[in-house]
C-alpha atoms as a PDB file:
ATOM      1  CA  UNK A   1     -23.030  12.850 -49.048  1.00  0.00           C
ATOM      2  CA  UNK A   2     -20.053  14.225 -51.345  1.00  0.00           C
ATOM      3  CA  UNK A   3     -20.692  17.655 -53.426  1.00  0.00           C
ATOM      4  CA  UNK A   4     -20.512  15.515 -56.610  1.00  0.00           C
ATOM      5  CA  UNK A   5     -23.197  12.919 -55.499  1.00  0.00           C
ATOM      6  CA  UNK A   6     -25.250  15.932 -54.077  1.00  0.00           C
ATOM      7  CA  UNK A   7     -25.180  17.689 -57.277  1.00  0.00           C
ATOM      8  CA  UNK A   8     -26.019  14.614 -59.289  1.00  0.00           C
ATOM      9  CA  UNK A   9     -29.134  14.142 -56.923  1.00  0.00           C
ATOM     10  CA  UNK A  10     -30.090  17.803 -57.399  1.00  0.00           C
ATOM     11  CA  UNK A  11     -29.769  17.377 -61.202  1.00  0.00           C
ATOM     12  CA  UNK A  12     -31.942  14.268 -61.141  1.00  0.00           C
ATOM     13  CA  UNK A  13     -34.829  15.952 -59.102  1.00  0.00           C
ATOM     14  CA  UNK A  14     -34.590  18.924 -61.417  1.00  0.00           C
ATOM     15  CA  UNK A  15     -35.128  16.509 -64.419  1.00  0.00           C
ATOM     16  CA  UNK A  16     -38.372  15.036 -62.913  1.00  0.00           C
ATOM     17  CA  UNK A  17     -39.655  18.520 -62.634  1.00  0.00           C
ATOM     18  CA  UNK A  18     -38.522  19.445 -66.208  1.00  0.00           C
ATOM     19  CA  UNK A  19     -40.294  16.335 -67.577  1.00  0.00           C
ATOM     20  CA  UNK A  20     -43.383  17.096 -65.668  1.00  0.00           C
ATOM     21  CA  UNK A  21     -43.519  20.643 -66.954  1.00  0.00           C
ATOM     22  CA  UNK A  22     -43.032  19.868 -70.640  1.00  0.00           C
ATOM     23  CA  UNK A  23     -46.704  19.089 -70.961  1.00  0.00           C
ATOM     24  CA  UNK A  24     -47.515  22.867 -70.264  1.00  0.00           C
ATOM     25  CA  UNK A  25     -44.553  24.661 -71.818  1.00  0.00           C
ATOM     26  CA  UNK A  26     -41.825  24.186 -74.264  1.00  0.00           C
ATOM     27  CA  UNK A  27     -38.413  24.855 -72.616  1.00  0.00           C
ATOM     28  CA  UNK A  28     -34.928  25.333 -74.232  1.00  0.00           C
ATOM     29  CA  UNK A  29     -32.419  22.592 -73.796  1.00  0.00           C
ATOM     30  CA  UNK A  30     -29.960  23.481 -71.037  1.00  0.00           C
ATOM     31  CA  UNK A  31     -26.212  22.802 -71.519  1.00  0.00           C
ATOM     32  CA  UNK A  32     -24.147  23.241 -68.315  1.00  0.00           C
ATOM     33  CA  UNK A  33     -20.649  24.336 -68.707  1.00  0.00           C
ATOM     34  CA  UNK A  34     -18.327  24.445 -65.732  1.00  0.00           C
ATOM     35  CA  UNK A  35     -14.925  26.161 -65.748  1.00  0.00           C
ATOM     36  CA  UNK A  36     -11.934  26.071 -63.346  1.00  0.00           C
ATOM     37  CA  UNK A  37     -11.494  29.900 -63.066  1.00  0.00           C
ATOM     38  CA  UNK A  38     -13.241  33.022 -61.950  1.00  0.00           C
ATOM     39  CA  UNK A  39     -15.296  35.494 -63.855  1.00  0.00           C
ATOM     40  CA  UNK A  40     -13.207  37.535 -66.262  1.00  0.00           C
ATOM     41  CA  UNK A  41     -10.396  34.894 -66.566  1.00  0.00           C
ATOM     42  CA  UNK A  42      -9.390  33.121 -69.892  1.00  0.00           C
ATOM     43  CA  UNK A  43     -11.656  30.007 -69.332  1.00  0.00           C
ATOM     44  CA  UNK A  44     -14.591  32.483 -68.735  1.00  0.00           C
ATOM     45  CA  UNK A  45     -13.959  34.402 -71.891  1.00  0.00           C
ATOM     46  CA  UNK A  46     -14.104  31.230 -73.758  1.00  0.00           C
ATOM     47  CA  UNK A  47     -17.172  29.858 -71.837  1.00  0.00           C
ATOM     48  CA  UNK A  48     -19.018  33.149 -72.319  1.00  0.00           C
ATOM     49  CA  UNK A  49     -18.322  33.284 -76.139  1.00  0.00           C
ATOM     50  CA  UNK A  50     -19.442  29.614 -76.342  1.00  0.00           C
ATOM     51  CA  UNK A  51     -22.797  30.474 -74.644  1.00  0.00           C
ATOM     52  CA  UNK A  52     -23.400  33.465 -77.128  1.00  0.00           C
ATOM     53  CA  UNK A  53     -22.547  31.551 -80.240  1.00  0.00           C
ATOM     54  CA  UNK A  54     -24.475  28.314 -79.231  1.00  0.00           C
ATOM     55  CA  UNK A  55     -27.597  30.256 -78.231  1.00  0.00           C
ATOM     56  CA  UNK A  56     -27.505  32.407 -81.367  1.00  0.00           C
ATOM     57  CA  UNK A  57     -26.793  29.519 -83.760  1.00  0.00           C
ATOM     58  CA  UNK A  58     -29.542  27.104 -82.178  1.00  0.00           C
ATOM     59  CA  UNK A  59     -32.091  30.128 -82.370  1.00  0.00           C
ATOM     60  CA  UNK A  60     -32.482  30.079 -78.591  1.00  0.00           C
ATOM     61  CA  UNK A  61     -33.255  26.310 -78.528  1.00  0.00           C
ATOM     62  CA  UNK A  62     -30.235  25.760 -76.264  1.00  0.00           C
ATOM     63  CA  UNK A  63     -29.467  27.779 -73.139  1.00  0.00           C
ATOM     64  CA  UNK A  64     -25.829  27.551 -71.757  1.00  0.00           C
ATOM     65  CA  UNK A  65     -25.489  27.994 -67.976  1.00  0.00           C
ATOM     66  CA  UNK A  66     -21.909  28.735 -66.860  1.00  0.00           C
ATOM     67  CA  UNK A  67     -20.475  27.640 -63.491  1.00  0.00           C
ATOM     68  CA  UNK A  68     -17.334  29.333 -62.128  1.00  0.00           C
ATOM     69  CA  UNK A  69     -14.561  27.879 -60.111  1.00  0.00           C
ATOM     70  CA  UNK A  70     -15.955  26.469 -56.850  1.00  0.00           C
ATOM     71  CA  UNK A  71     -19.629  26.462 -57.585  1.00  0.00           C
ATOM     72  CA  UNK A  72     -19.654  22.703 -58.528  1.00  0.00           C
ATOM     73  CA  UNK A  73     -16.600  21.619 -56.397  1.00  0.00           C
ATOM     74  CA  UNK A  74     -12.967  21.184 -57.460  1.00  0.00           C
ATOM     75  CA  UNK A  75     -11.290  20.856 -60.793  1.00  0.00           C
ATOM     76  CA  UNK A  76     -11.504  16.800 -60.247  1.00  0.00           C
ATOM     77  CA  UNK A  77     -15.243  17.168 -59.161  1.00  0.00           C
ATOM     78  CA  UNK A  78     -16.264  18.868 -62.331  1.00  0.00           C
ATOM     79  CA  UNK A  79     -14.369  16.540 -64.728  1.00  0.00           C
ATOM     80  CA  UNK A  80     -16.116  13.620 -62.726  1.00  0.00           C
ATOM     81  CA  UNK A  81     -19.492  15.486 -63.175  1.00  0.00           C
ATOM     82  CA  UNK A  82     -18.924  15.596 -66.946  1.00  0.00           C
ATOM     83  CA  UNK A  83     -17.646  12.177 -67.157  1.00  0.00           C
ATOM     84  CA  UNK A  84     -20.910  11.018 -65.335  1.00  0.00           C
ATOM     85  CA  UNK A  85     -23.207  13.017 -67.668  1.00  0.00           C
ATOM     86  CA  UNK A  86     -24.436  15.461 -64.791  1.00  0.00           C
ATOM     87  CA  UNK A  87     -23.100  18.551 -66.722  1.00  0.00           C
ATOM     88  CA  UNK A  88     -22.457  18.573 -70.397  1.00  0.00           C
ATOM     89  CA  UNK A  89     -19.192  20.559 -70.886  1.00  0.00           C
ATOM     90  CA  UNK A  90     -16.246  21.547 -68.578  1.00  0.00           C
ATOM     91  CA  UNK A  91     -12.793  22.762 -68.753  1.00  0.00           C
ATOM     92  CA  UNK A  92     -10.225  20.289 -67.631  1.00  0.00           C
ATOM     93  CA  UNK A  93      -6.578  21.376 -67.540  1.00  0.00           C
ATOM     94  CA  UNK A  94      -3.671  18.786 -68.011  1.00  0.00           C
ATOM     95  CA  UNK A  95      -2.256  19.483 -64.352  1.00  0.00           C
ATOM     96  CA  UNK A  96      -5.239  17.376 -62.891  1.00  0.00           C
ATOM     97  CA  UNK A  97      -6.588  15.805 -65.988  1.00  0.00           C
ATOM     98  CA  UNK A  98      -3.601  13.440 -65.941  1.00  0.00           C
ATOM     99  CA  UNK A  99      -5.432  11.411 -63.216  1.00  0.00           C
ATOM    100  CA  UNK A 100      -8.050  10.616 -65.867  1.00  0.00           C
ATOM    101  CA  UNK A 101      -6.256  10.715 -68.954  1.00  0.00           C
ATOM    102  CA  UNK A 102      -2.526  10.068 -68.105  1.00  0.00           C
ATOM    103  CA  UNK A 103      -1.202  10.666 -71.764  1.00  0.00           C
ATOM    104  CA  UNK A 104      -2.420  14.418 -71.620  1.00  0.00           C
ATOM    105  CA  UNK A 105       0.540  15.047 -69.214  1.00  0.00           C
ATOM    106  CA  UNK A 106       2.798  15.393 -72.303  1.00  0.00           C
ATOM    107  CA  UNK A 107       1.766  19.130 -72.377  1.00  0.00           C
ATOM    108  CA  UNK A 108       3.742  19.465 -69.253  1.00  0.00           C
ATOM    109  CA  UNK A 109       7.087  18.524 -70.846  1.00  0.00           C
ATOM    110  CA  UNK A 110       9.221  21.817 -70.878  1.00  0.00           C
ATOM    111  CA  UNK A 111       9.894  23.229 -74.398  1.00  0.00           C
ATOM    112  CA  UNK A 112       7.400  20.935 -76.343  1.00  0.00           C
ATOM    113  CA  UNK A 113       5.362  23.784 -77.639  1.00  0.00           C
ATOM    114  CA  UNK A 114       6.776  26.300 -80.194  1.00  0.00           C
ATOM    115  CA  UNK A 115       7.913  29.786 -79.041  1.00  0.00           C
ATOM    116  CA  UNK A 116       5.537  30.856 -82.068  1.00  0.00           C
ATOM    117  CA  UNK A 117       2.097  31.006 -80.944  1.00  0.00           C
ATOM    118  CA  UNK A 118       0.689  30.649 -84.413  1.00  0.00           C
ATOM    119  CA  UNK A 119       2.319  27.189 -84.540  1.00  0.00           C
ATOM    120  CA  UNK A 120       0.714  26.368 -81.154  1.00  0.00           C
ATOM    121  CA  UNK A 121      -2.661  27.549 -82.499  1.00  0.00           C
ATOM    122  CA  UNK A 122      -2.480  25.179 -85.513  1.00  0.00           C
ATOM    123  CA  UNK A 123      -1.361  22.342 -83.191  1.00  0.00           C
ATOM    124  CA  UNK A 124      -3.853  22.861 -80.282  1.00  0.00           C
ATOM    125  CA  UNK A 125      -6.840  23.370 -82.547  1.00  0.00           C
ATOM    126  CA  UNK A 126      -6.323  20.933 -85.302  1.00  0.00           C
ATOM    127  CA  UNK A 127      -3.524  18.366 -84.496  1.00  0.00           C
ATOM    128  CA  UNK A 128      -4.467  14.684 -85.783  1.00  0.00           C
ATOM    129  CA  UNK A 129      -2.353  13.477 -82.862  1.00  0.00           C
ATOM    130  CA  UNK A 130      -4.635  15.349 -80.476  1.00  0.00           C
ATOM    131  CA  UNK A 131      -8.099  14.845 -82.132  1.00  0.00           C
ATOM    132  CA  UNK A 132      -7.633  11.463 -83.703  1.00  0.00           C
ATOM    133  CA  UNK A 133      -5.242   9.854 -81.501  1.00  0.00           C
ATOM    134  CA  UNK A 134      -5.256  11.269 -77.932  1.00  0.00           C
ATOM    135  CA  UNK A 135      -9.050  11.736 -78.146  1.00  0.00           C
ATOM    136  CA  UNK A 136      -9.495   8.098 -77.904  1.00  0.00           C
ATOM    137  CA  UNK A 137      -7.966   7.993 -74.303  1.00  0.00           C
ATOM    138  CA  UNK A 138     -10.613  10.474 -73.360  1.00  0.00           C
ATOM    139  CA  UNK A 139     -13.519   8.364 -74.622  1.00  0.00           C
ATOM    140  CA  UNK A 140     -12.416   5.448 -72.755  1.00  0.00           C
ATOM    141  CA  UNK A 141     -13.180   7.610 -69.537  1.00  0.00           C
ATOM    142  CA  UNK A 142     -16.532   8.716 -70.674  1.00  0.00           C
ATOM    143  CA  UNK A 143     -15.219  12.030 -71.948  1.00  0.00           C
ATOM    144  CA  UNK A 144     -15.008  13.403 -75.540  1.00  0.00           C
ATOM    145  CA  UNK A 145     -12.143  16.030 -76.317  1.00  0.00           C
ATOM    146  CA  UNK A 146     -13.840  19.109 -77.861  1.00  0.00           C
ATOM    147  CA  UNK A 147     -10.850  21.477 -77.977  1.00  0.00           C
ATOM    148  CA  UNK A 148      -7.635  22.772 -76.500  1.00  0.00           C
ATOM    149  CA  UNK A 149      -6.373  26.222 -76.162  1.00  0.00           C
ATOM    150  CA  UNK A 150      -3.499  28.050 -74.403  1.00  0.00           C
ATOM    151  CA  UNK A 151      -3.867  30.654 -71.704  1.00  0.00           C
ATOM    152  CA  UNK A 152      -0.684  32.168 -72.168  1.00  0.00           C
ATOM    153  CA  UNK A 153       2.939  31.595 -71.216  1.00  0.00           C
ATOM    154  CA  UNK A 154       3.778  30.325 -67.818  1.00  0.00           C
ATOM    155  CA  UNK A 155       5.783  33.092 -66.138  1.00  0.00           C
ATOM    156  CA  UNK A 156       8.034  32.978 -63.145  1.00  0.00           C
ATOM    157  CA  UNK A 157       7.839  35.394 -60.301  1.00  0.00           C
ATOM    158  CA  UNK A 158      10.909  35.532 -58.297  1.00  0.00           C
ATOM    159  CA  UNK A 159      12.880  37.373 -55.859  1.00  0.00           C
ATOM    160  CA  UNK A 160      16.043  37.283 -57.797  1.00  0.00           C
ATOM    161  CA  UNK A 161      17.325  37.518 -61.233  1.00  0.00           C
ATOM    162  CA  UNK A 162      17.130  34.311 -63.220  1.00  0.00           C
ATOM    163  CA  UNK A 163      19.078  33.877 -66.538  1.00  0.00           C
ATOM    164  CA  UNK A 164      20.380  30.311 -66.167  1.00  0.00           C
ATOM    165  CA  UNK A 165      19.724  27.043 -64.211  1.00  0.00           C
ATOM    166  CA  UNK A 166      22.448  27.781 -61.784  1.00  0.00           C
ATOM    167  CA  UNK A 167      20.505  30.900 -60.723  1.00  0.00           C
ATOM    168  CA  UNK A 168      17.596  28.667 -59.220  1.00  0.00           C
ATOM    169  CA  UNK A 169      20.022  26.760 -57.019  1.00  0.00           C
ATOM    170  CA  UNK A 170      18.178  26.670 -53.700  1.00  0.00           C
ATOM    171  CA  UNK A 171      15.189  28.571 -54.827  1.00  0.00           C
ATOM    172  CA  UNK A 172      12.163  27.182 -53.275  1.00  0.00           C
ATOM    173  CA  UNK A 173       9.778  27.092 -56.325  1.00  0.00           C
ATOM    174  CA  UNK A 174       6.130  26.471 -55.798  1.00  0.00           C
ATOM    175  CA  UNK A 175       4.436  24.147 -58.306  1.00  0.00           C
ATOM    176  CA  UNK A 176       1.350  22.180 -58.543  1.00  0.00           C
ATOM    177  CA  UNK A 177       1.305  18.698 -57.138  1.00  0.00           C
ATOM    178  CA  UNK A 178       2.149  17.100 -60.610  1.00  0.00           C
ATOM    179  CA  UNK A 179       5.232  14.635 -60.678  1.00  0.00           C
ATOM    180  CA  UNK A 180       6.065  16.032 -64.091  1.00  0.00           C
ATOM    181  CA  UNK A 181       6.222  19.474 -62.907  1.00  0.00           C
ATOM    182  CA  UNK A 182       8.205  18.522 -59.802  1.00  0.00           C
ATOM    183  CA  UNK A 183      10.649  16.668 -61.939  1.00  0.00           C
ATOM    184  CA  UNK A 184      10.949  19.569 -64.348  1.00  0.00           C
ATOM    185  CA  UNK A 185      11.745  22.093 -61.691  1.00  0.00           C
ATOM    186  CA  UNK A 186      14.429  19.821 -60.171  1.00  0.00           C
ATOM    187  CA  UNK A 187      15.975  19.672 -63.575  1.00  0.00           C
ATOM    188  CA  UNK A 188      15.965  23.437 -63.914  1.00  0.00           C
ATOM    189  CA  UNK A 189      17.964  23.564 -60.595  1.00  0.00           C
ATOM    190  CA  UNK A 190      15.232  24.707 -58.241  1.00  0.00           C
ATOM    191  CA  UNK A 191      13.777  23.019 -55.166  1.00  0.00           C
ATOM    192  CA  UNK A 192      10.090  22.507 -56.156  1.00  0.00           C
ATOM    193  CA  UNK A 193       7.537  22.801 -53.234  1.00  0.00           C
ATOM    194  CA  UNK A 194       3.998  21.524 -53.716  1.00  0.00           C
ATOM    195  CA  UNK A 195       1.658  24.458 -52.043  1.00  0.00           C
ATOM    196  CA  UNK A 196      -2.031  24.826 -52.349  1.00  0.00           C
ATOM    197  CA  UNK A 197      -2.474  28.113 -54.489  1.00  0.00           C
ATOM    198  CA  UNK A 198      -4.521  29.693 -51.674  1.00  0.00           C
ATOM    199  CA  UNK A 199      -1.069  29.653 -49.623  1.00  0.00           C
ATOM    200  CA  UNK A 200       1.070  31.178 -52.459  1.00  0.00           C
ATOM    201  CA  UNK A 201       0.843  34.704 -51.619  1.00  0.00           C
ATOM    202  CA  UNK A 202       1.676  34.354 -47.983  1.00  0.00           C
ATOM    203  CA  UNK A 203       4.280  31.777 -48.790  1.00  0.00           C
ATOM    204  CA  UNK A 204       6.106  34.354 -50.849  1.00  0.00           C
ATOM    205  CA  UNK A 205       5.449  37.017 -48.422  1.00  0.00           C
ATOM    206  CA  UNK A 206       6.943  34.965 -45.500  1.00  0.00           C
ATOM    207  CA  UNK A 207       9.774  33.322 -47.607  1.00  0.00           C
ATOM    208  CA  UNK A 208       8.270  29.770 -47.348  1.00  0.00           C
ATOM    209  CA  UNK A 209       8.760  29.899 -51.002  1.00  0.00           C
ATOM    210  CA  UNK A 210      10.874  32.045 -53.250  1.00  0.00           C
ATOM    211  CA  UNK A 211       9.191  31.762 -56.483  1.00  0.00           C
ATOM    212  CA  UNK A 212       6.132  30.497 -58.406  1.00  0.00           C
ATOM    213  CA  UNK A 213       4.800  30.024 -61.869  1.00  0.00           C
ATOM    214  CA  UNK A 214       1.576  31.140 -63.414  1.00  0.00           C
ATOM    215  CA  UNK A 215       0.214  32.813 -66.627  1.00  0.00           C
ATOM    216  CA  UNK A 216       0.398  36.687 -66.174  1.00  0.00           C
ATOM    217  CA  UNK A 217      -3.223  37.271 -65.980  1.00  0.00           C
ATOM    218  CA  UNK A 218      -3.304  35.024 -62.977  1.00  0.00           C
ATOM    219  CA  UNK A 219      -0.319  36.717 -61.518  1.00  0.00           C
ATOM    220  CA  UNK A 220      -1.941  39.963 -61.914  1.00  0.00           C
ATOM    221  CA  UNK A 221      -5.409  38.877 -60.354  1.00  0.00           C
ATOM    222  CA  UNK A 222      -3.576  37.091 -57.352  1.00  0.00           C
ATOM    223  CA  UNK A 223      -1.298  40.025 -56.970  1.00  0.00           C
ATOM    224  CA  UNK A 224       1.925  37.546 -56.650  1.00  0.00           C
ATOM    225  CA  UNK A 225       3.919  40.377 -58.186  1.00  0.00           C
ATOM    226  CA  UNK A 226       3.310  42.437 -54.910  1.00  0.00           C
ATOM    227  CA  UNK A 227       5.774  39.835 -53.123  1.00  0.00           C
ATOM    228  CA  UNK A 228       8.253  39.209 -55.757  1.00  0.00           C
ATOM    229  CA  UNK A 229      10.629  41.518 -57.745  1.00  0.00           C
ATOM    230  CA  UNK A 230      11.113  39.799 -61.191  1.00  0.00           C
ATOM    231  CA  UNK A 231       8.914  38.452 -63.882  1.00  0.00           C
ATOM    232  CA  UNK A 232      10.859  35.941 -65.887  1.00  0.00           C
ATOM    233  CA  UNK A 233       9.543  34.950 -69.356  1.00  0.00           C
ATOM    234  CA  UNK A 234      11.585  31.600 -69.935  1.00  0.00           C
ATOM    235  CA  UNK A 235       9.385  29.975 -72.599  1.00  0.00           C
ATOM    236  CA  UNK A 236       9.423  26.669 -70.905  1.00  0.00           C
ATOM    237  CA  UNK A 237       5.457  26.095 -71.081  1.00  0.00           C
ATOM    238  CA  UNK A 238       2.246  27.382 -72.253  1.00  0.00           C
ATOM    239  CA  UNK A 239      -0.608  26.976 -69.926  1.00  0.00           C
ATOM    240  CA  UNK A 240      -3.056  24.773 -71.864  1.00  0.00           C
ATOM    241  CA  UNK A 241      -6.542  23.709 -71.047  1.00  0.00           C
ATOM    242  CA  UNK A 242      -9.108  21.388 -72.868  1.00  0.00           C
ATOM    243  CA  UNK A 243     -12.617  21.570 -73.069  1.00  0.00           C
ATOM    244  CA  UNK A 244     -14.418  18.216 -72.673  1.00  0.00           C
ATOM    245  CA  UNK A 245     -18.031  17.146 -73.178  1.00  0.00           C
ATOM    246  CA  UNK A 246     -19.622  14.026 -72.040  1.00  0.00           C
ATOM    247  CA  UNK A 247     -19.004  11.416 -74.714  1.00  0.00           C
ATOM    248  CA  UNK A 248     -22.664   9.680 -74.502  1.00  0.00           C
ATOM    249  CA  UNK A 249     -24.266  13.101 -74.658  1.00  0.00           C
ATOM    250  CA  UNK A 250     -22.311  14.007 -77.729  1.00  0.00           C
ATOM    251  CA  UNK A 251     -22.808  10.667 -79.412  1.00  0.00           C
ATOM    252  CA  UNK A 252     -26.599  11.139 -78.707  1.00  0.00           C
ATOM    253  CA  UNK A 253     -26.795  14.556 -80.322  1.00  0.00           C
ATOM    254  CA  UNK A 254     -28.645  14.937 -83.614  1.00  0.00           C
ATOM    255  CA  UNK A 255     -26.589  15.845 -86.654  1.00  0.00           C
ATOM    256  CA  UNK A 256     -27.499  19.300 -86.759  1.00  0.00           C
ATOM    257  CA  UNK A 257     -26.421  20.024 -83.041  1.00  0.00           C
ATOM    258  CA  UNK A 258     -22.956  18.335 -83.918  1.00  0.00           C
ATOM    259  CA  UNK A 259     -22.482  20.599 -86.860  1.00  0.00           C
ATOM    260  CA  UNK A 260     -23.381  23.512 -84.533  1.00  0.00           C
ATOM    261  CA  UNK A 261     -20.589  22.481 -82.306  1.00  0.00           C
ATOM    262  CA  UNK A 262     -18.242  22.157 -85.080  1.00  0.00           C
ATOM    263  CA  UNK A 263     -19.039  25.612 -86.294  1.00  0.00           C
ATOM    264  CA  UNK A 264     -18.750  27.054 -82.807  1.00  0.00           C
ATOM    265  CA  UNK A 265     -15.317  25.441 -82.198  1.00  0.00           C
ATOM    266  CA  UNK A 266     -13.962  27.053 -85.434  1.00  0.00           C
ATOM    267  CA  UNK A 267     -14.980  30.305 -84.476  1.00  0.00           C
ATOM    268  CA  UNK A 268     -13.700  29.995 -81.030  1.00  0.00           C
ATOM    269  CA  UNK A 269     -10.337  28.729 -82.157  1.00  0.00           C
ATOM    270  CA  UNK A 270      -9.567  32.183 -83.471  1.00  0.00           C
ATOM    271  CA  UNK A 271     -11.352  34.102 -80.769  1.00  0.00           C
ATOM    272  CA  UNK A 272      -9.493  32.604 -77.833  1.00  0.00           C
ATOM    273  CA  UNK A 273      -6.127  33.029 -79.112  1.00  0.00           C
ATOM    274  CA  UNK A 274      -6.645  36.582 -79.651  1.00  0.00           C
ATOM    275  CA  UNK A 275      -8.601  36.975 -76.386  1.00  0.00           C
ATOM    276  CA  UNK A 276      -6.024  35.392 -74.280  1.00  0.00           C
ATOM    277  CA  UNK A 277      -3.132  37.450 -75.685  1.00  0.00           C
ATOM    278  CA  UNK A 278      -5.052  40.639 -75.178  1.00  0.00           C
ATOM    279  CA  UNK A 279      -5.821  39.513 -71.480  1.00  0.00           C
ATOM    280  CA  UNK A 280      -2.215  38.700 -70.824  1.00  0.00           C
ATOM    281  CA  UNK A 281      -0.969  41.994 -72.275  1.00  0.00           C
ATOM    282  CA  UNK A 282      -3.315  44.122 -70.296  1.00  0.00           C
ATOM    283  CA  UNK A 283      -2.418  42.191 -67.104  1.00  0.00           C
ATOM    284  CA  UNK A 284       1.173  42.949 -67.690  1.00  0.00           C
ATOM    285  CA  UNK A 285       0.547  46.624 -68.209  1.00  0.00           C
ATOM    286  CA  UNK A 286      -1.465  46.667 -64.756  1.00  0.00           C
ATOM    287  CA  UNK A 287       1.291  44.979 -62.991  1.00  0.00           C
ATOM    288  CA  UNK A 288       3.911  47.639 -64.508  1.00  0.00           C
ATOM    289  CA  UNK A 289       1.525  50.341 -63.402  1.00  0.00           C
ATOM    290  CA  UNK A 290       0.872  49.052 -59.887  1.00  0.00           C
ATOM    291  CA  UNK A 291       4.672  48.321 -59.408  1.00  0.00           C
ATOM    292  CA  UNK A 292       7.047  50.279 -61.500  1.00  0.00           C
ATOM    293  CA  UNK A 293       9.932  48.645 -59.846  1.00  0.00           C
ATOM    294  CA  UNK A 294       9.055  45.156 -61.094  1.00  0.00           C
ATOM    295  CA  UNK A 295      11.694  43.758 -63.466  1.00  0.00           C
ATOM    296  CA  UNK A 296      10.637  42.090 -66.604  1.00  0.00           C
ATOM    297  CA  UNK A 297      13.122  39.567 -68.164  1.00  0.00           C
ATOM    298  CA  UNK A 298      12.510  37.757 -71.379  1.00  0.00           C
ATOM    299  CA  UNK A 299      15.273  34.962 -71.921  1.00  0.00           C
ATOM    300  CA  UNK A 300      16.589  34.892 -75.334  1.00  0.00           C
ATOM    301  CA  UNK A 301      17.156  31.971 -77.432  1.00  0.00           C
ATOM    302  CA  UNK A 302      20.526  30.941 -75.857  1.00  0.00           C
ATOM    303  CA  UNK A 303      19.328  31.315 -72.496  1.00  0.00           C
ATOM    304  CA  UNK A 304      16.056  29.345 -73.036  1.00  0.00           C
ATOM    305  CA  UNK A 305      18.472  26.624 -74.778  1.00  0.00           C
ATOM    306  CA  UNK A 306      20.141  26.092 -71.399  1.00  0.00           C
ATOM    307  CA  UNK A 307      17.040  25.393 -69.571  1.00  0.00           C
ATOM    308  CA  UNK A 308      15.792  23.107 -72.459  1.00  0.00           C
ATOM    309  CA  UNK A 309      19.041  21.166 -72.317  1.00  0.00           C
ATOM    310  CA  UNK A 310      18.673  20.712 -68.391  1.00  0.00           C
ATOM    311  CA  UNK A 311      15.250  19.142 -68.889  1.00  0.00           C
ATOM    312  CA  UNK A 312      15.597  17.233 -72.024  1.00  0.00           C
ATOM    313  CA  UNK A 313      15.060  14.018 -70.241  1.00  0.00           C
ATOM    314  CA  UNK A 314      11.680  14.833 -68.649  1.00  0.00           C
ATOM    315  CA  UNK A 315       9.850  13.505 -71.694  1.00  0.00           C
ATOM    316  CA  UNK A 316      11.569  10.110 -71.565  1.00  0.00           C
ATOM    317  CA  UNK A 317      10.953   9.877 -67.731  1.00  0.00           C
ATOM    318  CA  UNK A 318       7.196  10.635 -68.434  1.00  0.00           C
ATOM    319  CA  UNK A 319       6.982   7.954 -71.058  1.00  0.00           C
ATOM    320  CA  UNK A 320       8.473   5.551 -68.539  1.00  0.00           C
ATOM    321  CA  UNK A 321       6.122   6.404 -65.640  1.00  0.00           C
ATOM    322  CA  UNK A 322       2.862   6.551 -67.707  1.00  0.00           C
ATOM    323  CA  UNK A 323       3.315   4.238 -70.573  1.00  0.00           C
ATOM    324  CA  UNK A 324       0.174   3.601 -72.677  1.00  0.00           C
ATOM    325  CA  UNK A 325       0.130   5.718 -75.830  1.00  0.00           C
ATOM    326  CA  UNK A 326       2.439   8.600 -74.325  1.00  0.00           C
ATOM    327  CA  UNK A 327       5.494   7.637 -76.247  1.00  0.00           C
ATOM    328  CA  UNK A 328       3.780   7.760 -79.504  1.00  0.00           C
ATOM    329  CA  UNK A 329       1.715  10.885 -78.632  1.00  0.00           C
ATOM    330  CA  UNK A 330       4.938  12.739 -77.612  1.00  0.00           C
ATOM    331  CA  UNK A 331       6.905  11.743 -80.567  1.00  0.00           C
ATOM    332  CA  UNK A 332       3.965  12.484 -83.046  1.00  0.00           C
ATOM    333  CA  UNK A 333       3.519  16.009 -81.494  1.00  0.00           C
ATOM    334  CA  UNK A 334       7.126  16.819 -81.741  1.00  0.00           C
ATOM    335  CA  UNK A 335       6.975  15.911 -85.488  1.00  0.00           C
ATOM    336  CA  UNK A 336       3.887  17.868 -85.928  1.00  0.00           C
ATOM    337  CA  UNK A 337       5.251  20.993 -84.242  1.00  0.00           C
ATOM    338  CA  UNK A 338       8.586  20.854 -86.089  1.00  0.00           C
ATOM    339  CA  UNK A 339       6.683  20.613 -89.580  1.00  0.00           C
ATOM    340  CA  UNK A 340       4.602  23.551 -88.710  1.00  0.00           C
ATOM    341  CA  UNK A 341       7.687  25.663 -87.550  1.00  0.00           C
ATOM    342  CA  UNK A 342       9.023  25.014 -91.018  1.00  0.00           C
ATOM    343  CA  UNK A 343       5.992  26.759 -92.503  1.00  0.00           C
ATOM    344  CA  UNK A 344       5.331  29.363 -89.911  1.00  0.00           C
ATOM    345  CA  UNK A 345       8.791  29.857 -88.237  1.00  0.00           C
ATOM    346  CA  UNK A 346      10.206  29.361 -84.836  1.00  0.00           C
ATOM    347  CA  UNK A 347      10.088  32.913 -83.560  1.00  0.00           C
END
């Protein structure tokens, strides 16, 4: 029996006991929330604050149980469990969510989001393209899109200085097994290598790979900086994640519970943007303290423009490969981002 089926069976058995016990004692409603990361990471910060606010605003009538990475299986497992209704909430990041909602892969297009994170905050938390358009593609898969937020800029750890696409020629660059990421790093000039994240440290250590990309908090916790010499901030991508809930579960909630979730989301929109920035800043400080020789390079606007130019065809290629609403979603997001940058600046 697969882990997903076993967990569903366990939940079903638990439900029988819960129903039998209601005659004797009133129990708080339980909402299960599974994340893709470990304790103390960005998704855990979000889930813990979600738990605190939901339990407080419900007056203790709802208990939130958090499951960290691996407790309920892989990223795909927890998305399937949410779609089936076995759990109520989960993180689902675009890297693997693309198998469920192909259009979400637009967030892997290089340089789509702004260099101004205030713009990104407005887009990811309030965009009509996301919450009125893209959300329909979630519902067709049994999911409801609750929110999106960034976990920090995707930073390159390399063994050589990188300031232009030519500097990546011949560099074996580890990426996730996502076609859009593989195409993106080819366009940057690198030789992308799909490698399980558990093999990245040893791969860097033995030169099976020369570089990798992750948010700085993850680079620090996984110690990738120990086996590389440079941290390159190229501005090509924010690592974004979604929080999804089971669509039937949400539709079946009474109005007061839906209002509670709306209020919680509004508070968390502000909280997580500040919390992830603080966590990433602290992680960078830890890296510099642990390895004073590490070189941090932040590419300027002209240098970033060279990578953006090299990868400008990735969006069109994604539209061609995925189809569906992808073209409209990508076009509308670009318009929204440009409009927000007029108000808030490009940075």
